[in-house]
């Protein structure tokens, strides 16, 4: 059935308009410090770390571009309930022992435990960390001066589009389906929000449905369709998809379907012009 899925012809769509819209990730509260540096562990790679310092001594960390293995796709992780002591002039001692979470609130299954301990100053940050109680790493980074307090992905490009969402093997068809597509060029991923969509049937109550951190131009990958609160979209408990965007960022095509290994599966195509 999957071979049939990839053999299907893309369905044409029409752009309605484009505009900017903020992403759907959790907001970091308090004073936010953004550092870019290198993690030295079993392998080395560059990534970004955001650290939010709240007045009550609580600390939240956002890691952008994290790799579980050398060849893995980069992801964004959040660590909550950390603690800090100190001040900006002398530096903050930071500590966190928490289960890393993805932006949708689900645990990052590759890491069952994680802890960090170190110092961050106004211009530099350095801390040790342990993964799954064993692997030790060191992060060394330098401050990135963002404008404003919210650590937005400066390279992110958001398109609000209207295209066609069509069921291939069943009668779903919406030629005016709205979607918000956020491109993260560094990670080569997209976040997709289908606005008030019907995906499983025409009788379904319309609701916002999300796909987050989906790799671009990389073939078939497993994905999660979730609702705004992070809970799974029940008709698609297991899903797969691929998404393609051209280099000029003028078109976006996505095929996705239920990966439930049944004889009758649900396949959809979404196609939109971005410019």
Protein backbone atom coordinates (compact mmCIF):
# COMPACT_ATOMS: atom_id res chain seq x y z
CA UNK A 1 0.00 0.00 0.00
CA UNK A 2 2.85 2.40 0.74
CA UNK A 3 4.24 1.93 -2.78
CA UNK A 4 0.87 2.98 -4.13
CA UNK A 5 0.99 6.01 -1.89
CA UNK A 6 4.26 7.22 -3.40
CA UNK A 7 3.06 6.54 -6.94
CA UNK A 8 0.11 8.92 -6.62
CA UNK A 9 0.21 12.18 -8.54
CA UNK A 10 0.41 15.42 -6.61
CA UNK A 11 -2.80 17.43 -6.56
CA UNK A 12 -2.61 21.06 -7.66
CA UNK A 13 -3.39 23.82 -5.15
CA UNK A 14 -3.83 27.57 -5.19
CA UNK A 15 -2.27 30.19 -2.97
CA UNK A 16 -4.64 32.60 -1.28
CA UNK A 17 -2.22 34.85 0.59
CA UNK A 18 0.91 34.87 2.74
CA UNK A 19 1.62 36.47 6.09
CA UNK A 20 3.65 35.94 9.24
CA UNK A 21 2.29 34.08 12.23
CA UNK A 22 4.05 33.17 15.45
CA UNK A 23 4.92 29.52 15.99
CA UNK A 24 3.06 27.22 18.32
CA UNK A 25 5.89 26.34 20.69
CA UNK A 26 5.71 27.07 24.43
CA UNK A 27 6.69 30.59 25.47
CA UNK A 28 9.79 31.08 27.60
CA UNK A 29 9.06 33.39 30.53
CA UNK A 30 11.35 35.71 32.45
CA UNK A 31 14.78 36.95 31.32
CA UNK A 32 15.90 34.90 28.31
CA UNK A 33 19.54 34.30 27.38
CA UNK A 34 20.40 32.88 23.97
CA UNK A 35 23.74 31.09 23.46
CA UNK A 36 25.21 29.46 20.37
CA UNK A 37 27.98 26.94 20.83
CA UNK A 38 29.25 23.39 20.57
CA UNK A 39 28.32 20.27 22.48
CA UNK A 40 31.31 18.00 23.09
CA UNK A 41 30.12 14.46 23.88
CA UNK A 42 30.33 11.23 21.90
CA UNK A 43 30.40 13.49 18.85
CA UNK A 44 30.52 17.27 18.39
CA UNK A 45 27.96 19.52 16.80
CA UNK A 46 26.79 23.14 16.94
CA UNK A 47 23.42 24.12 18.33
CA UNK A 48 21.59 26.85 20.23
CA UNK A 49 20.52 26.99 23.87
CA UNK A 50 17.96 29.38 25.34
CA UNK A 51 17.86 29.79 29.13
CA UNK A 52 14.95 31.57 30.80
CA UNK A 53 15.55 32.92 34.29
CA UNK A 54 12.45 33.68 36.39
CA UNK A 55 12.35 35.74 39.59
CA UNK A 56 11.22 32.71 41.63
CA UNK A 57 14.50 30.88 40.98
CA UNK A 58 13.03 28.60 38.32
CA UNK A 59 14.82 27.98 35.05
CA UNK A 60 13.64 26.58 31.72
CA UNK A 61 15.94 25.52 28.89
CA UNK A 62 15.20 25.27 25.19
CA UNK A 63 17.73 23.34 23.07
CA UNK A 64 17.49 23.93 19.32
CA UNK A 65 19.18 21.64 16.80
CA UNK A 66 19.81 18.72 19.16
CA UNK A 67 21.03 15.41 17.73
CA UNK A 68 20.59 12.09 19.52
CA UNK A 69 23.10 10.49 17.13
CA UNK A 70 25.56 11.97 14.67
CA UNK A 71 23.33 11.37 11.65
CA UNK A 72 19.98 12.01 13.35
CA UNK A 73 17.62 14.78 12.30
CA UNK A 74 17.96 17.84 14.61
CA UNK A 75 15.13 18.43 17.07
CA UNK A 76 14.07 21.07 19.60
CA UNK A 77 13.88 20.07 23.26
CA UNK A 78 12.58 21.71 26.43
CA UNK A 79 13.74 21.09 30.01
CA UNK A 80 11.53 22.41 32.78
CA UNK A 81 11.85 22.88 36.56
CA UNK A 82 15.52 23.80 36.53
CA UNK A 83 17.01 26.11 39.18
CA UNK A 84 19.41 29.05 39.20
CA UNK A 85 21.36 31.10 41.72
CA UNK A 86 23.44 34.24 41.33
CA UNK A 87 23.11 37.37 39.23
CA UNK A 88 23.96 38.65 35.78
CA UNK A 89 27.14 40.46 36.84
CA UNK A 90 28.73 37.48 38.63
CA UNK A 91 27.02 34.79 36.63
CA UNK A 92 24.22 32.28 37.14
CA UNK A 93 24.83 28.82 38.52
CA UNK A 94 22.29 26.61 36.73
CA UNK A 95 21.10 23.10 37.52
CA UNK A 96 18.45 20.91 35.95
CA UNK A 97 17.55 17.24 36.36
CA UNK A 98 14.56 16.61 34.13
CA UNK A 99 13.03 14.50 31.38
CA UNK A 100 13.52 16.34 28.05
CA UNK A 101 10.30 17.12 26.19
CA UNK A 102 9.53 17.89 22.58
CA UNK A 103 7.68 21.16 21.79
CA UNK A 104 4.34 19.31 21.82
CA UNK A 105 4.95 18.18 25.41
CA UNK A 106 5.77 14.57 24.60
CA UNK A 107 8.94 13.00 26.05
CA UNK A 108 12.04 12.70 23.90
CA UNK A 109 12.25 8.93 24.02
CA UNK A 110 15.92 8.72 22.99
CA UNK A 111 16.85 10.30 26.36
CA UNK A 112 15.27 8.69 29.41
CA UNK A 113 17.10 11.02 31.83
CA UNK A 114 19.11 14.20 31.55
CA UNK A 115 20.86 16.58 33.93
CA UNK A 116 22.97 19.69 33.59
CA UNK A 117 25.17 21.67 35.96
CA UNK A 118 27.26 24.73 35.19
CA UNK A 119 27.64 28.50 34.92
CA UNK A 120 26.25 31.04 32.50
CA UNK A 121 27.35 34.66 32.37
CA UNK A 122 26.19 37.59 30.31
CA UNK A 123 28.49 36.76 27.39
CA UNK A 124 29.38 33.05 27.80
CA UNK A 125 27.87 29.81 29.02
CA UNK A 126 29.50 26.50 29.94
CA UNK A 127 27.94 23.48 31.61
CA UNK A 128 28.31 19.71 31.96
CA UNK A 129 25.49 17.31 31.18
CA UNK A 130 24.72 13.62 31.47
CA UNK A 131 22.44 11.62 29.18
CA UNK A 132 20.71 8.48 30.50
CA UNK A 133 22.90 8.60 33.58
CA UNK A 134 26.07 7.90 31.64
CA UNK A 135 27.20 9.86 28.60
CA UNK A 136 28.89 13.05 29.70
CA UNK A 137 29.03 16.12 27.54
CA UNK A 138 30.11 19.74 27.80
CA UNK A 139 28.41 22.71 26.17
CA UNK A 140 30.48 25.85 25.52
CA UNK A 141 28.68 28.79 23.96
CA UNK A 142 28.69 32.53 23.42
CA UNK A 143 25.81 34.92 23.89
CA UNK A 144 23.64 35.84 20.91
CA UNK A 145 22.00 39.23 21.35
CA UNK A 146 18.39 38.84 20.23
CA UNK A 147 16.05 41.77 19.94
CA UNK A 148 13.25 41.40 22.44
CA UNK A 149 12.70 38.73 25.06
CA UNK A 150 11.19 35.90 23.05
CA UNK A 151 13.80 33.50 21.57
CA UNK A 152 12.33 33.25 18.11
CA UNK A 153 14.04 31.28 15.38
CA UNK A 154 15.34 34.21 13.37
CA UNK A 155 15.67 32.16 10.21
CA UNK A 156 12.15 30.74 10.42
CA UNK A 157 9.78 31.66 7.60
CA UNK A 158 6.04 31.30 8.11
CA UNK A 159 3.52 31.03 5.28
CA UNK A 160 -0.23 31.22 5.77
CA UNK A 161 -1.73 29.56 2.72
CA UNK A 162 -4.89 28.17 1.21
CA UNK A 163 -4.44 25.02 -0.83
CA UNK A 164 -6.22 21.80 -1.63
CA UNK A 165 -6.48 18.94 0.85
CA UNK A 166 -7.70 15.81 -0.87
CA UNK A 167 -8.24 12.23 0.18
CA UNK A 168 -6.81 9.88 -2.41
CA UNK A 169 -8.71 6.69 -1.57
CA UNK A 170 -11.82 8.25 0.01
CA UNK A 171 -13.99 11.32 -0.66
CA UNK A 172 -12.37 14.05 1.51
CA UNK A 173 -11.80 17.13 -0.63
CA UNK A 174 -11.37 20.73 0.52
CA UNK A 175 -10.02 23.05 -2.21
CA UNK A 176 -9.95 25.93 0.30
CA UNK A 177 -8.05 24.30 3.16
CA UNK A 178 -6.13 26.88 5.19
CA UNK A 179 -2.75 25.94 6.65
CA UNK A 180 0.12 27.62 8.44
CA UNK A 181 3.52 26.32 7.33
CA UNK A 182 6.60 27.32 9.32
CA UNK A 183 9.94 26.56 7.70
CA UNK A 184 13.04 26.12 9.90
CA UNK A 185 15.93 26.36 7.39
CA UNK A 186 18.73 25.39 9.79
CA UNK A 187 17.01 22.17 10.83
CA UNK A 188 15.44 21.67 7.37
CA UNK A 189 12.08 20.95 8.98
CA UNK A 190 8.56 22.34 8.81
CA UNK A 191 5.70 22.74 11.25
CA UNK A 192 2.26 22.43 9.65
CA UNK A 193 -1.02 23.58 11.16
CA UNK A 194 -4.18 22.62 9.30
CA UNK A 195 -6.77 25.22 10.31
CA UNK A 196 -10.22 23.80 11.16
CA UNK A 197 -9.61 20.71 9.05
CA UNK A 198 -11.49 17.50 8.39
CA UNK A 199 -9.00 14.72 7.72
CA UNK A 200 -10.63 11.37 8.57
CA UNK A 201 -14.16 11.96 7.22
CA UNK A 202 -16.55 14.59 5.92
CA UNK A 203 -18.65 14.14 9.08
CA UNK A 204 -15.74 15.01 11.36
CA UNK A 205 -15.98 18.17 13.46
CA UNK A 206 -13.45 20.68 12.06
CA UNK A 207 -10.49 21.33 14.34
CA UNK A 208 -6.89 22.56 14.17
CA UNK A 209 -4.52 19.65 13.51
CA UNK A 210 -0.73 19.92 13.79
CA UNK A 211 2.40 18.22 12.47
CA UNK A 212 5.62 19.45 14.06
CA UNK A 213 9.32 19.05 13.22
CA UNK A 214 8.73 17.19 9.97
CA UNK A 215 11.90 16.80 7.84
CA UNK A 216 11.79 18.32 4.37
CA UNK A 217 12.79 16.62 1.12
CA UNK A 218 13.94 13.48 2.92
CA UNK A 219 11.47 10.83 1.82
CA UNK A 220 9.01 8.93 3.94
CA UNK A 221 9.19 9.61 7.71
CA UNK A 222 7.02 8.75 10.69
CA UNK A 223 5.09 11.67 12.10
CA UNK A 224 2.57 12.49 14.82
CA UNK A 225 -0.64 14.35 14.09
CA UNK A 226 -1.65 16.16 17.26
CA UNK A 227 -4.24 18.61 18.51
CA UNK A 228 -3.52 22.01 20.01
CA UNK A 229 -3.11 20.59 23.53
CA UNK A 230 -0.55 18.04 22.30
CA UNK A 231 -2.91 15.06 22.49
CA UNK A 232 -2.87 12.67 19.52
CA UNK A 233 -5.27 13.02 16.62
CA UNK A 234 -7.02 9.71 17.25
CA UNK A 235 -7.92 8.67 13.67
CA UNK A 236 -4.18 8.64 12.89
CA UNK A 237 -2.48 6.96 15.88
CA UNK A 238 0.42 5.99 13.60
CA UNK A 239 1.23 8.10 10.60
CA UNK A 240 3.81 8.61 7.91
CA UNK A 241 4.41 11.43 5.46
CA UNK A 242 6.81 13.20 3.20
CA UNK A 243 6.99 16.90 2.41
CA UNK A 244 8.69 18.74 -0.45
CA UNK A 245 9.45 22.44 -0.80
CA UNK A 246 11.37 23.81 -3.75
CA UNK A 247 14.51 25.90 -3.25
CA UNK A 248 12.73 29.10 -4.28
CA UNK A 249 10.09 28.49 -1.57
CA UNK A 250 7.25 28.79 -4.06
CA UNK A 251 5.51 25.42 -3.65
CA UNK A 252 4.78 23.02 -0.81
CA UNK A 253 3.59 19.46 -1.39
CA UNK A 254 2.83 16.88 1.27
CA UNK A 255 1.52 13.32 1.20
CA UNK A 256 0.54 11.71 4.46
CA UNK A 257 -1.43 8.73 5.67
CA UNK A 258 -2.34 6.32 8.41
CA UNK A 259 0.36 3.72 9.05
CA UNK A 260 -1.86 1.13 10.72
CA UNK A 261 -0.80 -1.78 8.48
CA UNK A 262 -4.41 -2.47 7.46
CA UNK A 263 -5.54 -3.32 3.96
CA UNK A 264 -7.54 -0.10 3.70
CA UNK A 265 -5.48 2.92 4.66
CA UNK A 266 -6.14 6.64 4.52
CA UNK A 267 -4.02 8.76 2.20
CA UNK A 268 -4.18 12.49 1.71
CA UNK A 269 -2.42 15.08 -0.41
CA UNK A 270 -1.97 18.75 0.44
CA UNK A 271 -0.54 21.08 -2.17
CA UNK A 272 -0.16 24.86 -1.98
CA UNK A 273 1.62 27.69 -3.71
CA UNK A 274 3.65 29.76 -1.24
CA UNK A 275 4.25 32.81 -3.43
